Amino acid sequence: MSNEIETQKHWSVLLVEDNLVNQQITINQLKIMNCDVLLAKNGLEAIKATQEQNFDLIIMDCHMPEMNGYDATRQIREGEIEQNKEPVPIIALTADVMILNREHCLSVGMNDFLGKPVVLNDLKQILDIWLRNPASS
């Protein structure tokens, strides 16, 4: 007898977030939705992680120390082009939900936008759009 959870796909998600509380909340929410999560605490760690493994989705904080999410996204996109890899969906994560910031996120290569604090239903919708995640339906 097979367990339904065992047959569901586990999505590989890179969470790039420097705030400890936001890390824990978002990781817990992603795990509820059948995601395996790797944490990067800044843009430099995110770039390194994408060079070492493939992800189904990246959730990228925009404002972090050492390297922000905008610069990290640009470099990840450049690396994808150089390596002829399919672009991974990158979702902006920020408390700045002004329309200009949304446009800036899209202009640097992010695919979508998620406001802070992360609301479980909003995260579910993002996963439904970018992963077509049966675990979140």
Protein backbone atom coordinates (compact mmCIF):
# COMPACT_ATOMS: atom_id res chain seq x y z
CA MET A 1 0.00 0.00 0.00
CA SER A 2 1.56 3.31 -1.05
CA ASN A 3 1.28 6.45 0.96
CA GLU A 4 0.00 9.49 -1.02
CA ILE A 5 2.73 11.74 0.39
CA GLU A 6 5.43 9.34 -0.84
CA THR A 7 4.15 9.66 -4.42
CA GLN A 8 4.13 13.46 -4.43
CA LYS A 9 7.06 15.33 -5.92
CA HIS A 10 9.40 17.05 -3.52
CA TRP A 11 10.28 20.45 -4.90
CA SER A 12 13.79 21.78 -4.37
CA VAL A 13 13.65 25.39 -3.18
CA LEU A 14 16.49 27.77 -2.40
CA LEU A 15 15.41 30.30 0.23
CA VAL A 16 17.66 33.35 0.29
CA GLU A 17 16.88 35.30 3.47
CA ASP A 18 19.08 36.93 6.12
CA ASN A 19 16.49 37.37 8.90
CA LEU A 20 16.32 34.41 11.32
CA VAL A 21 12.61 34.77 12.09
CA ASN A 22 11.67 35.07 8.40
CA GLN A 23 13.90 32.08 7.64
CA GLN A 24 12.13 29.83 10.13
CA ILE A 25 8.61 30.91 9.18
CA THR A 26 9.20 30.53 5.45
CA ILE A 27 11.06 27.22 5.79
CA ASN A 28 8.20 25.79 7.86
CA GLN A 29 5.63 26.99 5.33
CA LEU A 30 7.59 25.52 2.41
CA LYS A 31 7.97 22.17 4.19
CA ILE A 32 4.19 22.03 4.70
CA MET A 33 3.92 22.29 0.92
CA ASN A 34 6.27 19.39 0.22
CA CYS A 35 9.41 21.42 -0.49
CA ASP A 36 12.97 20.51 0.35
CA VAL A 37 14.60 23.78 1.38
CA LEU A 38 18.19 24.92 1.26
CA LEU A 39 18.91 28.20 3.04
CA ALA A 40 21.30 30.89 1.83
CA LYS A 41 21.77 33.93 4.09
CA ASN A 42 22.86 36.39 1.38
CA GLY A 43 23.29 36.77 -2.36
CA LEU A 44 26.83 35.40 -2.40
CA GLU A 45 25.68 32.16 -0.75
CA ALA A 46 22.78 32.00 -3.22
CA ILE A 47 25.08 32.24 -6.24
CA LYS A 48 27.34 29.53 -4.82
CA ALA A 49 24.34 27.27 -4.13
CA THR A 50 23.04 27.63 -7.70
CA GLN A 51 26.47 26.71 -9.04
CA GLU A 52 26.52 23.55 -6.93
CA GLN A 53 22.98 22.26 -7.49
CA ASN A 54 19.77 22.81 -9.43
CA PHE A 55 16.61 24.16 -7.84
CA ASP A 56 12.99 24.14 -8.93
CA LEU A 57 12.44 27.61 -7.43
CA ILE A 58 14.39 30.38 -5.69
CA ILE A 59 12.80 32.73 -3.18
CA MET A 60 15.09 35.76 -3.03
CA ASP A 61 15.07 38.46 -0.36
CA CYS A 62 15.85 41.78 -1.99
CA HIS A 63 17.75 43.50 0.85
CA MET A 64 20.57 41.54 2.48
CA PRO A 65 24.13 42.18 3.66
CA GLU A 66 27.15 41.28 1.50
CA MET A 67 25.11 41.02 -1.72
CA ASN A 68 21.49 42.02 -2.23
CA GLY A 69 18.90 39.98 -4.10
CA TYR A 70 18.95 42.20 -7.18
CA ASP A 71 22.67 41.70 -7.81
CA ALA A 72 22.45 38.00 -6.97
CA THR A 73 19.59 37.54 -9.44
CA ARG A 74 21.54 39.27 -12.19
CA GLN A 75 24.54 37.01 -11.58
CA ILE A 76 22.40 33.86 -11.41
CA ARG A 77 20.78 34.79 -14.73
CA GLU A 78 24.21 35.44 -16.30
CA GLY A 79 25.40 32.04 -15.10
CA GLU A 80 22.34 30.33 -16.56
CA ILE A 81 23.06 31.91 -19.95
CA GLU A 82 26.76 30.98 -19.82
CA GLN A 83 25.96 27.37 -18.87
CA ASN A 84 22.99 27.14 -21.27
CA LYS A 85 20.69 26.19 -18.38
CA GLU A 86 16.93 26.67 -18.20
CA PRO A 87 16.17 29.73 -16.05
CA VAL A 88 14.91 28.79 -12.61
CA PRO A 89 11.93 30.84 -11.40
CA ILE A 90 13.12 33.50 -8.94
CA ILE A 91 10.52 35.03 -6.64
CA ALA A 92 11.31 38.38 -5.03
CA LEU A 93 10.75 38.51 -1.28
CA THR A 94 10.50 41.99 0.23
CA ALA A 95 8.57 44.20 2.61
CA ASP A 96 8.71 46.98 -0.01
CA VAL A 97 5.56 46.23 -2.00
CA MET A 98 5.49 49.53 -3.89
CA ILE A 99 4.83 49.14 -7.63
CA LEU A 100 8.22 50.62 -8.55
CA ASN A 101 10.00 47.98 -6.49
CA ARG A 102 7.95 45.25 -8.18
CA GLU A 103 8.99 46.62 -11.59
CA HIS A 104 12.63 46.75 -10.46
CA CYS A 105 12.47 43.11 -9.35
CA LEU A 106 11.13 42.04 -12.73
CA SER A 107 13.69 44.17 -14.59
CA VAL A 108 16.65 42.37 -12.96
CA GLY A 109 15.29 38.95 -13.91
CA MET A 110 12.99 37.94 -11.08
CA ASN A 111 9.79 36.25 -12.22
CA ASP A 112 7.31 37.17 -9.50
CA PHE A 113 6.89 38.99 -6.24
CA LEU A 114 6.02 37.95 -2.67
CA GLY A 115 5.51 40.45 0.13
CA LYS A 116 6.73 40.16 3.71
CA PRO A 117 5.62 38.90 6.06
CA VAL A 118 5.01 35.76 4.03
CA VAL A 119 1.38 34.68 4.19
CA LEU A 120 0.87 30.95 3.71
CA ASN A 121 -1.91 31.41 1.15
CA ASP A 122 0.22 33.83 -0.92
CA LEU A 123 3.12 31.37 -0.85
CA LYS A 124 0.77 28.57 -1.92
CA GLN A 125 -0.40 30.65 -4.89
CA ILE A 126 3.21 31.30 -5.95
CA LEU A 127 4.00 27.59 -5.79
CA ASP A 128 0.84 26.77 -7.73
CA ILE A 129 1.87 29.19 -10.47
CA TRP A 130 5.57 28.41 -10.75
CA LEU A 131 5.71 24.74 -9.72
CA ARG A 132 2.17 23.49 -10.30
CA ASN A 133 2.62 21.86 -6.92
CA PRO A 134 -0.01 19.16 -6.24
CA ALA A 135 0.89 19.24 -2.53
CA SER A 136 -0.39 22.79 -2.23
CA SER A 137 -3.78 22.26 -3.86
